Amino acid sequence: SEGCLITMLVLVEAHLLSNTRRQKIERAHLTCQALKVTQGKEKEELIQQLGENLQTKREYDVTLHPAFLVLETFSGIILRKEQVATIALFFQAKDVQPACQMIMGAGKTTAIAPLVALLRADGKKASCIVAPKPLIKEIAAILRTLLGGAFRRSISTLSFHRSHLTEAFLQRRNTTSEAYLEALLQQLEFAKKNRDLLLITPQTRHSMISPRRARLYLTNHSTHS
């Protein structure tokens, strides 16, 4: 019944909140243990880290953002204020695509990108994360750990280049251009329907968008000429 479902959600939320509090205490305990065997500058850094950990507070409403709480529990972190604000920026912008420049260690791969991609996978469009080719395997492993374990979402990589439609490439694959493109379309449709995430390189994104942009340009040019 609806009442039982609400009760279950309340209990799950309480359990997750309790887990994050326990994790916070455990992190503080580990830092205190490390302080016993460190000296000098390293000790000062640990003291600062301990203070920051103890002062950390939750920067969002868990009722409105349950996915945030689930990610925190499974990854053993507390989302920082600036991370929550950055995630919100992507959804306040609506159709405008914001660009954010962030320093190393700001949580791009372990917090912001996973949550933005997860929440944008709504069953109506395919949600993609674009990453440099040398980092694809590493990022895929991180995403599978975070989103696969916590949300049961699959992470798959999609590779495409315009050279894949050449006769030599298709012969090596023993396929046709129509069959190859149909397989790519099915992968996109499957990910969209199941709210899974796709990991692609900038080269793949460019190869997919460029032909469409060219057709739009030619259409507009012929219309106005």
N, C-alpha and C. Protein backbone atom coordinates (compact mmCIF):
# COMPACT_ATOMS: atom_id res chain seq x y z
N SER A 1 0.84 -1.19 0.00
CA SER A 1 0.00 0.00 0.00
C SER A 1 0.88 1.25 0.00
N GLU A 2 0.25 2.40 -0.23
CA GLU A 2 1.00 3.64 -0.26
C GLU A 2 1.61 3.97 1.10
N GLY A 3 0.85 3.66 2.15
CA GLY A 3 1.36 3.91 3.49
C GLY A 3 2.59 3.08 3.81
N CYS A 4 2.58 1.82 3.39
CA CYS A 4 3.74 0.94 3.61
C CYS A 4 4.95 1.43 2.82
N LEU A 5 4.71 1.90 1.61
CA LEU A 5 5.80 2.41 0.77
C LEU A 5 6.44 3.64 1.41
N ILE A 6 5.61 4.54 1.93
CA ILE A 6 6.13 5.75 2.58
C ILE A 6 6.94 5.38 3.82
N THR A 7 6.44 4.43 4.59
CA THR A 7 7.16 3.97 5.79
C THR A 7 8.51 3.37 5.42
N MET A 8 8.53 2.57 4.35
CA MET A 8 9.78 1.96 3.90
C MET A 8 10.79 3.02 3.47
N LEU A 9 10.33 4.05 2.76
CA LEU A 9 11.21 5.12 2.31
C LEU A 9 11.79 5.89 3.49
N VAL A 10 10.96 6.12 4.49
CA VAL A 10 11.43 6.83 5.69
C VAL A 10 12.50 6.01 6.40
N LEU A 11 12.28 4.71 6.51
CA LEU A 11 13.24 3.83 7.18
C LEU A 11 14.56 3.75 6.40
N VAL A 12 14.46 3.68 5.06
CA VAL A 12 15.67 3.63 4.23
C VAL A 12 16.46 4.93 4.39
N GLU A 13 15.76 6.05 4.38
CA GLU A 13 16.42 7.34 4.55
C GLU A 13 17.13 7.42 5.90
N ALA A 14 16.46 6.97 6.95
CA ALA A 14 17.07 6.98 8.29
C ALA A 14 18.30 6.09 8.34
N HIS A 15 18.22 4.95 7.66
CA HIS A 15 19.36 4.02 7.63
C HIS A 15 20.55 4.64 6.91
N LEU A 16 20.29 5.29 5.79
CA LEU A 16 21.37 5.91 5.03
C LEU A 16 21.99 7.08 5.80
N LEU A 17 21.16 7.86 6.46
CA LEU A 17 21.68 8.97 7.27
C LEU A 17 22.55 8.45 8.41
N SER A 18 22.12 7.37 9.02
CA SER A 18 22.91 6.76 10.10
C SER A 18 24.25 6.27 9.57
N ASN A 19 24.23 5.69 8.37
CA ASN A 19 25.48 5.18 7.77
C ASN A 19 26.46 6.31 7.48
N THR A 20 25.96 7.43 6.96
CA THR A 20 26.86 8.54 6.64
C THR A 20 27.45 9.15 7.90
N ARG A 21 26.66 9.17 9.00
CA ARG A 21 27.20 9.67 10.27
C ARG A 21 28.29 8.74 10.79
N ARG A 22 28.06 7.44 10.65
CA ARG A 22 29.06 6.46 11.09
C ARG A 22 30.34 6.60 10.27
N GLN A 23 30.19 6.79 8.97
CA GLN A 23 31.35 6.96 8.11
C GLN A 23 32.15 8.21 8.50
N LYS A 24 31.45 9.25 8.85
CA LYS A 24 32.11 10.50 9.26
C LYS A 24 32.95 10.27 10.52
N ILE A 25 32.39 9.53 11.47
CA ILE A 25 33.11 9.22 12.71
C ILE A 25 34.33 8.35 12.42
N GLU A 26 34.16 7.39 11.52
CA GLU A 26 35.27 6.50 11.17
C GLU A 26 36.40 7.27 10.50
N ARG A 27 36.05 8.22 9.63
CA ARG A 27 37.09 9.03 8.99
C ARG A 27 37.85 9.85 10.02
N ALA A 28 37.12 10.41 10.99
CA ALA A 28 37.76 11.19 12.04
C ALA A 28 38.67 10.30 12.89
N HIS A 29 38.23 9.09 13.16
CA HIS A 29 39.03 8.16 13.97
C HIS A 29 40.33 7.79 13.24
N LEU A 30 40.24 7.54 11.95
CA LEU A 30 41.43 7.20 11.18
C LEU A 30 42.42 8.36 11.16
N THR A 31 41.89 9.57 11.05
CA THR A 31 42.77 10.74 11.06
C THR A 31 43.46 10.89 12.41
N CYS A 32 42.73 10.65 13.50
CA CYS A 32 43.32 10.72 14.84
C CYS A 32 44.41 9.67 15.02
N GLN A 33 44.19 8.50 14.46
CA GLN A 33 45.21 7.45 14.54
C GLN A 33 46.46 7.87 13.78
N ALA A 34 46.26 8.49 12.63
CA ALA A 34 47.41 8.93 11.83
C ALA A 34 48.17 10.05 12.52
N LEU A 35 47.49 10.88 13.30
CA LEU A 35 48.15 11.98 14.00
C LEU A 35 49.17 11.50 15.02
N LYS A 36 48.98 10.29 15.53
CA LYS A 36 49.88 9.76 16.54
C LYS A 36 51.27 9.44 15.99
N VAL A 37 51.36 9.24 14.69
CA VAL A 37 52.63 8.80 14.10
C VAL A 37 53.18 9.79 13.08
N THR A 38 52.63 11.01 13.05
CA THR A 38 53.11 12.01 12.10
C THR A 38 53.66 13.23 12.83
N GLN A 39 54.51 13.97 12.14
CA GLN A 39 55.12 15.17 12.72
C GLN A 39 55.15 16.28 11.67
N GLY A 40 55.43 17.48 12.16
CA GLY A 40 55.68 18.61 11.27
C GLY A 40 54.50 19.02 10.42
N LYS A 41 54.80 19.35 9.17
CA LYS A 41 53.81 19.89 8.24
C LYS A 41 52.70 18.88 7.96
N GLU A 42 53.07 17.60 7.86
CA GLU A 42 52.07 16.56 7.59
C GLU A 42 51.06 16.50 8.74
N LYS A 43 51.53 16.68 9.97
CA LYS A 43 50.64 16.65 11.12
C LYS A 43 49.69 17.84 11.09
N GLU A 44 50.21 19.00 10.72
CA GLU A 44 49.37 20.19 10.61
C GLU A 44 48.27 20.00 9.57
N GLU A 45 48.62 19.36 8.45
CA GLU A 45 47.64 19.11 7.40
C GLU A 45 46.56 18.15 7.88
N LEU A 46 46.96 17.14 8.66
CA LEU A 46 45.99 16.19 9.20
C LEU A 46 45.04 16.85 10.19
N ILE A 47 45.58 17.76 11.00
CA ILE A 47 44.74 18.49 11.96
C ILE A 47 43.70 19.33 11.22
N GLN A 48 44.14 19.98 10.16
CA GLN A 48 43.20 20.77 9.35
C GLN A 48 42.15 19.87 8.71
N GLN A 49 42.58 18.71 8.21
CA GLN A 49 41.66 17.75 7.60
C GLN A 49 40.64 17.26 8.62
N LEU A 50 41.11 17.00 9.85
CA LEU A 50 40.21 16.54 10.91
C LEU A 50 39.16 17.61 11.23
N GLY A 51 39.62 18.87 11.32
CA GLY A 51 38.69 19.95 11.60
C GLY A 51 37.64 20.11 10.52
N GLU A 52 38.07 20.02 9.26
CA GLU A 52 37.14 20.15 8.15
C GLU A 52 36.12 19.02 8.14
N ASN A 53 36.59 17.80 8.44
CA ASN A 53 35.71 16.64 8.47
C ASN A 53 34.64 16.79 9.55
N LEU A 54 35.05 17.24 10.74
CA LEU A 54 34.11 17.36 11.85
C LEU A 54 33.11 18.50 11.64
N GLN A 55 33.51 19.53 10.90
CA GLN A 55 32.64 20.67 10.68
C GLN A 55 31.74 20.51 9.46
N THR A 56 31.99 19.48 8.66
CA THR A 56 31.20 19.27 7.45
C THR A 56 29.74 19.01 7.79
N LYS A 57 28.86 19.68 7.08
CA LYS A 57 27.43 19.46 7.26
C LYS A 57 26.78 19.23 5.91
N ARG A 58 25.62 18.61 5.93
CA ARG A 58 24.93 18.29 4.68
C ARG A 58 24.35 19.58 4.08
N GLU A 59 24.59 19.77 2.79
CA GLU A 59 24.24 21.03 2.13
C GLU A 59 23.00 20.93 1.24
N TYR A 60 22.16 19.93 1.47
CA TYR A 60 20.97 19.76 0.64
C TYR A 60 19.88 19.09 1.47
N ASP A 61 18.67 19.11 0.95
CA ASP A 61 17.52 18.47 1.59
C ASP A 61 17.46 17.02 1.09
N VAL A 62 17.63 16.07 2.00
CA VAL A 62 17.67 14.66 1.59
C VAL A 62 16.33 14.20 1.03
N THR A 63 15.25 14.83 1.43
CA THR A 63 13.93 14.46 0.90
C THR A 63 13.80 14.85 -0.56
N LEU A 64 14.39 15.99 -0.93
CA LEU A 64 14.33 16.46 -2.31
C LEU A 64 15.38 15.82 -3.19
N HIS A 65 16.49 15.39 -2.59
CA HIS A 65 17.61 14.84 -3.37
C HIS A 65 18.09 13.50 -2.78
N PRO A 66 17.24 12.49 -2.83
CA PRO A 66 17.64 11.19 -2.28
C PRO A 66 18.85 10.57 -2.98
N ALA A 67 19.01 10.86 -4.28
CA ALA A 67 20.15 10.29 -5.01
C ALA A 67 21.47 10.79 -4.43
N PHE A 68 21.50 12.02 -3.95
CA PHE A 68 22.71 12.56 -3.34
C PHE A 68 23.10 11.73 -2.11
N LEU A 69 22.10 11.42 -1.30
CA LEU A 69 22.34 10.66 -0.07
C LEU A 69 22.82 9.25 -0.38
N VAL A 70 22.24 8.64 -1.40
CA VAL A 70 22.66 7.28 -1.78
C VAL A 70 24.12 7.27 -2.24
N LEU A 71 24.48 8.26 -3.07
CA LEU A 71 25.86 8.34 -3.55
C LEU A 71 26.82 8.56 -2.39
N GLU A 72 26.46 9.43 -1.46
CA GLU A 72 27.32 9.68 -0.29
C GLU A 72 27.56 8.40 0.49
N THR A 73 26.52 7.63 0.68
CA THR A 73 26.64 6.39 1.46
C THR A 73 27.56 5.39 0.78
N PHE A 74 27.38 5.21 -0.52
CA PHE A 74 28.16 4.21 -1.24
C PHE A 74 29.60 4.65 -1.51
N SER A 75 29.84 5.95 -1.57
CA SER A 75 31.20 6.42 -1.86
C SER A 75 31.94 6.88 -0.61
N GLY A 76 31.22 6.98 0.52
CA GLY A 76 31.87 7.36 1.77
C GLY A 76 32.31 8.81 1.81
N ILE A 77 31.50 9.70 1.22
CA ILE A 77 31.85 11.13 1.21
C ILE A 77 30.66 11.94 1.68
N ILE A 78 30.88 13.23 1.89
CA ILE A 78 29.80 14.19 2.10
C ILE A 78 29.96 15.25 1.01
N LEU A 79 28.91 15.45 0.23
CA LEU A 79 28.97 16.43 -0.85
C LEU A 79 29.20 17.83 -0.28
N ARG A 80 30.18 18.52 -0.84
CA ARG A 80 30.47 19.87 -0.37
C ARG A 80 29.49 20.88 -0.97
N LYS A 81 29.42 22.04 -0.35
CA LYS A 81 28.47 23.08 -0.76
C LYS A 81 28.66 23.45 -2.22
N GLU A 82 29.93 23.62 -2.65
CA GLU A 82 30.18 24.02 -4.03
C GLU A 82 29.83 22.91 -5.01
N GLN A 83 29.93 21.65 -4.60
CA GLN A 83 29.55 20.54 -5.47
C GLN A 83 28.04 20.51 -5.68
N VAL A 84 27.29 20.70 -4.60
CA VAL A 84 25.83 20.73 -4.69
C VAL A 84 25.39 21.89 -5.58
N ALA A 85 26.04 23.05 -5.43
CA ALA A 85 25.69 24.22 -6.25
C ALA A 85 25.99 23.97 -7.72
N THR A 86 27.11 23.30 -8.01
CA THR A 86 27.47 23.02 -9.41
C THR A 86 26.47 22.06 -10.05
N ILE A 87 26.06 21.03 -9.32
CA ILE A 87 25.07 20.08 -9.84
C ILE A 87 23.76 20.80 -10.13
N ALA A 88 23.35 21.66 -9.21
CA ALA A 88 22.10 22.41 -9.39
C ALA A 88 22.16 23.30 -10.63
N LEU A 89 23.34 23.83 -10.93
CA LEU A 89 23.51 24.72 -12.08
C LEU A 89 23.12 24.04 -13.38
N PHE A 90 23.42 22.76 -13.51
CA PHE A 90 23.14 22.04 -14.74
C PHE A 90 21.63 21.87 -14.97
N PHE A 91 20.86 21.90 -13.91
CA PHE A 91 19.42 21.70 -14.06
C PHE A 91 18.64 23.01 -14.03
N GLN A 92 19.22 24.05 -13.48
CA GLN A 92 18.60 25.37 -13.52
C GLN A 92 18.71 25.97 -14.92
N ALA A 93 19.75 25.55 -15.66
CA ALA A 93 20.00 26.13 -16.98
C ALA A 93 19.02 25.66 -18.05
N LYS A 94 18.25 24.62 -17.76
CA LYS A 94 17.28 24.05 -18.70
C LYS A 94 17.96 23.66 -20.01
N ASP A 95 17.61 24.32 -21.14
CA ASP A 95 18.17 23.92 -22.43
C ASP A 95 19.57 24.47 -22.68
N VAL A 96 20.00 25.41 -21.86
CA VAL A 96 21.34 25.96 -22.00
C VAL A 96 22.34 25.03 -21.33
N GLN A 97 23.44 24.74 -22.02
CA GLN A 97 24.44 23.83 -21.48
C GLN A 97 25.54 24.62 -20.79
N PRO A 98 25.60 24.62 -19.47
CA PRO A 98 26.63 25.40 -18.77
C PRO A 98 27.99 24.74 -18.88
N ALA A 99 29.02 25.54 -18.74
CA ALA A 99 30.40 25.04 -18.73
C ALA A 99 31.03 25.45 -17.40
N CYS A 100 31.62 24.49 -16.69
CA CYS A 100 32.21 24.76 -15.39
C CYS A 100 33.68 24.34 -15.42
N GLN A 101 34.54 25.23 -14.98
CA GLN A 101 35.95 24.93 -14.87
C GLN A 101 36.26 24.63 -13.41
N MET A 102 36.84 23.44 -13.15
CA MET A 102 37.08 23.01 -11.78
C MET A 102 38.50 22.49 -11.63
N ILE A 103 39.07 22.69 -10.46
CA ILE A 103 40.43 22.25 -10.20
C ILE A 103 40.45 20.75 -9.92
N MET A 104 41.64 20.18 -9.96
CA MET A 104 41.81 18.77 -9.65
C MET A 104 41.41 18.50 -8.19
N GLY A 105 40.67 17.43 -7.97
CA GLY A 105 40.25 17.09 -6.62
C GLY A 105 38.94 17.72 -6.21
N ALA A 106 38.26 18.41 -7.14
CA ALA A 106 37.00 19.08 -6.81
C ALA A 106 35.80 18.14 -6.88
N GLY A 107 36.04 16.89 -7.32
CA GLY A 107 34.95 15.92 -7.35
C GLY A 107 34.24 15.80 -8.68
N LYS A 108 34.92 16.16 -9.76
CA LYS A 108 34.29 16.09 -11.09
C LYS A 108 33.89 14.66 -11.43
N THR A 109 34.82 13.72 -11.23
CA THR A 109 34.60 12.34 -11.65
C THR A 109 33.86 11.52 -10.60
N THR A 110 34.07 11.82 -9.33
CA THR A 110 33.53 10.99 -8.26
C THR A 110 32.20 11.49 -7.69
N ALA A 111 31.79 12.70 -8.05
CA ALA A 111 30.56 13.23 -7.48
C ALA A 111 29.69 13.94 -8.52
N ILE A 112 30.23 14.96 -9.15
CA ILE A 112 29.41 15.83 -10.00
C ILE A 112 28.96 15.14 -11.29
N ALA A 113 29.92 14.62 -12.06
CA ALA A 113 29.55 13.97 -13.33
C ALA A 113 28.63 12.77 -13.13
N PRO A 114 28.90 11.87 -12.16
CA PRO A 114 27.99 10.74 -11.96
C PRO A 114 26.56 11.17 -11.63
N LEU A 115 26.41 12.17 -10.74
CA LEU A 115 25.06 12.57 -10.35
C LEU A 115 24.34 13.31 -11.47
N VAL A 116 25.04 14.19 -12.19
CA VAL A 116 24.40 14.90 -13.30
C VAL A 116 23.97 13.90 -14.37
N ALA A 117 24.85 12.97 -14.72
CA ALA A 117 24.52 11.97 -15.74
C ALA A 117 23.37 11.08 -15.28
N LEU A 118 23.39 10.68 -14.02
CA LEU A 118 22.33 9.82 -13.48
C LEU A 118 20.98 10.52 -13.53
N LEU A 119 20.92 11.76 -13.09
CA LEU A 119 19.66 12.48 -13.02
C LEU A 119 19.14 12.89 -14.40
N ARG A 120 20.04 12.99 -15.36
CA ARG A 120 19.61 13.34 -16.73
C ARG A 120 19.15 12.11 -17.51
N ALA A 121 19.44 10.93 -17.01
CA ALA A 121 18.99 9.71 -17.67
C ALA A 121 17.52 9.48 -17.28
N ASP A 122 16.62 10.13 -18.00
CA ASP A 122 15.20 10.14 -17.63
C ASP A 122 14.33 9.24 -18.48
N GLY A 123 14.97 8.45 -19.36
CA GLY A 123 14.18 7.57 -20.23
C GLY A 123 13.73 8.24 -21.51
N LYS A 124 13.96 9.55 -21.63
CA LYS A 124 13.56 10.29 -22.83
C LYS A 124 14.74 10.64 -23.72
N LYS A 125 15.92 10.65 -23.13
CA LYS A 125 17.13 10.96 -23.91
C LYS A 125 18.29 10.15 -23.34
N ALA A 126 19.27 9.88 -24.19
CA ALA A 126 20.44 9.14 -23.75
C ALA A 126 21.37 10.08 -22.98
N SER A 127 21.83 9.63 -21.82
CA SER A 127 22.71 10.44 -20.99
C SER A 127 24.15 10.00 -21.22
N CYS A 128 25.00 10.96 -21.62
CA CYS A 128 26.38 10.64 -21.98
C CYS A 128 27.37 11.45 -21.14
N ILE A 129 28.49 10.82 -20.85
CA ILE A 129 29.62 11.50 -20.23
C ILE A 129 30.76 11.48 -21.24
N VAL A 130 31.31 12.65 -21.54
CA VAL A 130 32.41 12.76 -22.49
C VAL A 130 33.72 12.82 -21.72
N ALA A 131 34.65 11.95 -22.08
CA ALA A 131 35.93 11.89 -21.37
C ALA A 131 37.06 11.62 -22.35
N PRO A 132 38.27 12.10 -22.06
CA PRO A 132 39.42 11.85 -22.94
C PRO A 132 39.67 10.35 -23.09
N LYS A 133 40.07 9.96 -24.28
CA LYS A 133 40.27 8.54 -24.57
C LYS A 133 41.22 7.84 -23.59
N PRO A 134 42.36 8.45 -23.18
CA PRO A 134 43.27 7.76 -22.24
C PRO A 134 42.64 7.50 -20.87
N LEU A 135 41.57 8.23 -20.54
CA LEU A 135 40.95 8.09 -19.21
C LEU A 135 39.66 7.29 -19.23
N ILE A 136 39.24 6.83 -20.41
CA ILE A 136 37.95 6.15 -20.54
C ILE A 136 37.85 4.94 -19.61
N LYS A 137 38.84 4.06 -19.61
CA LYS A 137 38.77 2.84 -18.79
C LYS A 137 38.73 3.17 -17.31
N GLU A 138 39.56 4.13 -16.90
CA GLU A 138 39.60 4.51 -15.48
C GLU A 138 38.27 5.09 -15.03
N ILE A 139 37.72 6.01 -15.84
CA ILE A 139 36.46 6.65 -15.48
C ILE A 139 35.31 5.65 -15.52
N ALA A 140 35.33 4.74 -16.49
CA ALA A 140 34.29 3.70 -16.58
C ALA A 140 34.29 2.84 -15.32
N ALA A 141 35.47 2.49 -14.81
CA ALA A 141 35.57 1.68 -13.60
C ALA A 141 35.00 2.43 -12.40
N ILE A 142 35.30 3.73 -12.29
CA ILE A 142 34.78 4.55 -11.19
C ILE A 142 33.26 4.63 -11.26
N LEU A 143 32.73 4.88 -12.46
CA LEU A 143 31.29 5.01 -12.62
C LEU A 143 30.57 3.70 -12.33
N ARG A 144 31.17 2.59 -12.74
CA ARG A 144 30.53 1.29 -12.48
C ARG A 144 30.49 1.01 -10.98
N THR A 145 31.53 1.42 -10.27
CA THR A 145 31.55 1.22 -8.82
C THR A 145 30.48 2.08 -8.14
N LEU A 146 30.40 3.36 -8.55
CA LEU A 146 29.48 4.28 -7.91
C LEU A 146 28.03 4.05 -8.32
N LEU A 147 27.78 4.05 -9.62
CA LEU A 147 26.41 3.99 -10.12
C LEU A 147 25.90 2.57 -10.31
N GLY A 148 26.82 1.65 -10.61
CA GLY A 148 26.41 0.26 -10.75
C GLY A 148 26.01 -0.33 -9.40
N GLY A 149 26.82 -0.08 -8.38
CA GLY A 149 26.53 -0.64 -7.06
C GLY A 149 25.38 0.05 -6.37
N ALA A 150 25.33 1.39 -6.44
CA ALA A 150 24.33 2.13 -5.70
C ALA A 150 22.98 2.22 -6.42
N PHE A 151 23.01 2.33 -7.75
CA PHE A 151 21.77 2.59 -8.49
C PHE A 151 21.43 1.51 -9.51
N ARG A 152 22.27 0.50 -9.60
CA ARG A 152 22.05 -0.60 -10.55
C ARG A 152 21.96 -0.10 -11.99
N ARG A 153 22.79 0.89 -12.32
CA ARG A 153 22.82 1.40 -13.68
C ARG A 153 24.04 0.83 -14.41
N SER A 154 23.85 0.50 -15.67
CA SER A 154 24.94 -0.01 -16.48
C SER A 154 25.71 1.15 -17.11
N ILE A 155 27.01 0.95 -17.27
CA ILE A 155 27.87 1.94 -17.92
C ILE A 155 28.49 1.27 -19.15
N SER A 156 28.26 1.83 -20.31
CA SER A 156 28.84 1.27 -21.52
C SER A 156 29.54 2.36 -22.32
N THR A 157 30.54 1.96 -23.08
CA THR A 157 31.26 2.92 -23.92
C THR A 157 30.75 2.80 -25.36
N LEU A 158 30.68 3.92 -26.01
CA LEU A 158 30.23 3.96 -27.39
C LEU A 158 31.32 4.63 -28.22
N SER A 159 31.74 3.94 -29.27
CA SER A 159 32.81 4.46 -30.12
C SER A 159 32.33 4.59 -31.56
N PHE A 160 32.57 5.76 -32.15
CA PHE A 160 32.18 5.97 -33.54
C PHE A 160 33.10 7.01 -34.17
N HIS A 161 33.48 6.74 -35.41
CA HIS A 161 34.26 7.69 -36.19
C HIS A 161 33.79 7.59 -37.64
N ARG A 162 33.86 8.69 -38.35
CA ARG A 162 33.37 8.67 -39.74
C ARG A 162 34.12 7.66 -40.60
N SER A 163 35.36 7.36 -40.22
CA SER A 163 36.12 6.35 -40.97
C SER A 163 35.52 4.96 -40.82
N HIS A 164 34.66 4.77 -39.79
CA HIS A 164 34.03 3.47 -39.60
C HIS A 164 33.05 3.13 -40.72
N LEU A 165 32.70 4.12 -41.52
CA LEU A 165 31.77 3.87 -42.62
C LEU A 165 32.49 3.65 -43.95
N THR A 166 33.81 3.60 -43.92
CA THR A 166 34.56 3.32 -45.14
C THR A 166 34.45 1.84 -45.49
N GLU A 167 34.63 1.54 -46.75
CA GLU A 167 34.48 0.16 -47.22
C GLU A 167 35.50 -0.77 -46.56
N ALA A 168 36.74 -0.30 -46.37
CA ALA A 168 37.78 -1.14 -45.77
C ALA A 168 37.41 -1.53 -44.34
N PHE A 169 36.93 -0.57 -43.55
CA PHE A 169 36.55 -0.84 -42.16
C PHE A 169 35.38 -1.82 -42.10
N LEU A 170 34.38 -1.60 -42.94
CA LEU A 170 33.19 -2.45 -42.93
C LEU A 170 33.52 -3.88 -43.37
N GLN A 171 34.44 -4.01 -44.30
CA GLN A 171 34.85 -5.35 -44.74
C GLN A 171 35.54 -6.10 -43.61
N ARG A 172 36.39 -5.39 -42.85
CA ARG A 172 37.06 -6.04 -41.71
C ARG A 172 36.04 -6.49 -40.66
N ARG A 173 34.97 -5.74 -40.51
CA ARG A 173 33.92 -6.08 -39.55
C ARG A 173 32.87 -7.03 -40.14
N ASN A 174 33.00 -7.32 -41.42
CA ASN A 174 32.06 -8.19 -42.11
C ASN A 174 30.62 -7.69 -41.93
N THR A 175 30.42 -6.40 -42.21
CA THR A 175 29.10 -5.80 -42.04
C THR A 175 28.90 -4.73 -43.10
N THR A 176 27.75 -4.11 -43.08
CA THR A 176 27.43 -3.02 -44.00
C THR A 176 27.26 -1.73 -43.21
N SER A 177 27.27 -0.61 -43.91
CA SER A 177 27.11 0.67 -43.22
C SER A 177 25.74 0.75 -42.53
N GLU A 178 24.71 0.19 -43.21
CA GLU A 178 23.38 0.22 -42.62
C GLU A 178 23.32 -0.60 -41.34
N ALA A 179 23.92 -1.80 -41.37
CA ALA A 179 23.90 -2.66 -40.19
C ALA A 179 24.71 -2.06 -39.05
N TYR A 180 25.84 -1.45 -39.42
CA TYR A 180 26.70 -0.85 -38.39
C TYR A 180 25.99 0.31 -37.70
N LEU A 181 25.36 1.19 -38.48
CA LEU A 181 24.64 2.33 -37.91
C LEU A 181 23.41 1.87 -37.13
N GLU A 182 22.78 0.80 -37.59
CA GLU A 182 21.62 0.27 -36.87
C GLU A 182 22.04 -0.25 -35.49
N ALA A 183 23.21 -0.89 -35.42
CA ALA A 183 23.71 -1.39 -34.13
C ALA A 183 24.01 -0.24 -33.18
N LEU A 184 24.57 0.85 -33.69
CA LEU A 184 24.83 2.03 -32.86
C LEU A 184 23.51 2.63 -32.36
N LEU A 185 22.53 2.70 -33.25
CA LEU A 185 21.23 3.25 -32.87
C LEU A 185 20.59 2.39 -31.78
N GLN A 186 20.68 1.08 -31.92
CA GLN A 186 20.11 0.19 -30.91
C GLN A 186 20.79 0.37 -29.56
N GLN A 187 22.12 0.58 -29.58
CA GLN A 187 22.83 0.81 -28.32
C GLN A 187 22.35 2.10 -27.65
N LEU A 188 22.16 3.14 -28.45
CA LEU A 188 21.66 4.41 -27.93
C LEU A 188 20.24 4.27 -27.39
N GLU A 189 19.38 3.59 -28.14
CA GLU A 189 17.99 3.40 -27.72
C GLU A 189 17.90 2.56 -26.46
N PHE A 190 18.75 1.53 -26.37
CA PHE A 190 18.74 0.66 -25.19
C PHE A 190 19.15 1.44 -23.95
N ALA A 191 20.21 2.25 -24.09
CA ALA A 191 20.68 3.06 -22.96
C ALA A 191 19.62 4.07 -22.53
N LYS A 192 18.96 4.69 -23.51
CA LYS A 192 17.92 5.67 -23.20
C LYS A 192 16.75 5.02 -22.47
N LYS A 193 16.29 3.91 -22.98
CA LYS A 193 15.13 3.23 -22.41
C LYS A 193 15.40 2.74 -20.99
N ASN A 194 16.60 2.21 -20.75
CA ASN A 194 16.92 1.64 -19.45
C ASN A 194 17.58 2.64 -18.50
N ARG A 195 17.70 3.88 -18.96
CA ARG A 195 18.31 4.94 -18.15
C ARG A 195 19.75 4.60 -17.76
N ASP A 196 20.43 3.92 -18.66
CA ASP A 196 21.84 3.61 -18.45
C ASP A 196 22.68 4.79 -18.96
N LEU A 197 23.98 4.72 -18.69
CA LEU A 197 24.86 5.83 -19.06
C LEU A 197 25.84 5.40 -20.13
N LEU A 198 26.13 6.32 -21.04
CA LEU A 198 27.09 6.08 -22.11
C LEU A 198 28.33 6.92 -21.88
N LEU A 199 29.47 6.32 -22.09
CA LEU A 199 30.75 7.02 -21.95
C LEU A 199 31.36 7.12 -23.34
N ILE A 200 31.62 8.35 -23.79
CA ILE A 200 32.15 8.56 -25.13
C ILE A 200 33.34 9.51 -25.08
N THR A 201 34.13 9.49 -26.15
CA THR A 201 35.27 10.41 -26.25
C THR A 201 34.83 11.67 -27.01
N PRO A 202 35.61 12.76 -26.91
CA PRO A 202 35.29 13.95 -27.70
C PRO A 202 35.29 13.67 -29.20
N GLN A 203 36.17 12.75 -29.63
CA GLN A 203 36.22 12.40 -31.05
C GLN A 203 34.92 11.74 -31.52
N THR A 204 34.37 10.85 -30.68
CA THR A 204 33.10 10.21 -31.02
C THR A 204 31.98 11.24 -31.09
N ARG A 205 31.94 12.12 -30.12
CA ARG A 205 30.91 13.16 -30.10
C ARG A 205 31.00 14.03 -31.35
N HIS A 206 32.23 14.43 -31.71
CA HIS A 206 32.42 15.28 -32.88
C HIS A 206 31.99 14.55 -34.15
N SER A 207 32.35 13.28 -34.26
CA SER A 207 32.01 12.51 -35.47
C SER A 207 30.51 12.34 -35.62
N MET A 208 29.80 12.27 -34.50
CA MET A 208 28.35 12.10 -34.57
C MET A 208 27.64 13.41 -34.88
N ILE A 209 28.18 14.51 -34.36
CA ILE A 209 27.51 15.80 -34.51
C ILE A 209 27.84 16.48 -35.83
N SER A 210 29.07 16.33 -36.31
CA SER A 210 29.52 17.06 -37.50
C SER A 210 28.64 16.84 -38.73
N PRO A 211 28.29 15.59 -39.09
CA PRO A 211 27.43 15.41 -40.28
C PRO A 211 26.08 16.12 -40.14
N ARG A 212 25.52 16.09 -38.94
CA ARG A 212 24.22 16.75 -38.71
C ARG A 212 24.36 18.26 -38.86
N ARG A 213 25.45 18.81 -38.32
CA ARG A 213 25.67 20.25 -38.46
C ARG A 213 25.85 20.63 -39.93
N ALA A 214 26.55 19.77 -40.67
CA ALA A 214 26.77 20.05 -42.09
C ALA A 214 25.45 20.06 -42.85
N ARG A 215 24.57 19.09 -42.55
CA ARG A 215 23.27 19.04 -43.22
C ARG A 215 22.42 20.27 -42.88
N LEU A 216 22.46 20.69 -41.61
CA LEU A 216 21.71 21.87 -41.20
C LEU A 216 22.22 23.12 -41.92
N TYR A 217 23.55 23.21 -42.04
CA TYR A 217 24.14 24.36 -42.72
C TYR A 217 23.72 24.40 -44.18
N LEU A 218 23.80 23.25 -44.85
CA LEU A 218 23.46 23.19 -46.27
C LEU A 218 21.97 23.49 -46.48
N THR A 219 21.14 22.98 -45.56
CA THR A 219 19.69 23.23 -45.66
C THR A 219 19.39 24.71 -45.51
N ASN A 220 19.98 25.33 -44.48
CA ASN A 220 19.76 26.75 -44.24
C ASN A 220 20.32 27.61 -45.37
N HIS A 221 21.50 27.20 -45.88
CA HIS A 221 22.14 27.96 -46.96
C HIS A 221 21.30 27.90 -48.23
N SER A 222 20.77 26.73 -48.54
CA SER A 222 19.97 26.59 -49.76
C SER A 222 18.64 27.33 -49.61
N THR A 223 18.12 27.42 -48.37
CA THR A 223 16.86 28.11 -48.13
C THR A 223 16.99 29.61 -48.32
N HIS A 224 18.14 30.16 -47.87
CA HIS A 224 18.33 31.61 -47.92
C HIS A 224 18.98 32.09 -49.22
N SER A 225 19.43 31.15 -50.06
CA SER A 225 20.09 31.57 -51.30
C SER A 225 19.07 31.75 -52.43
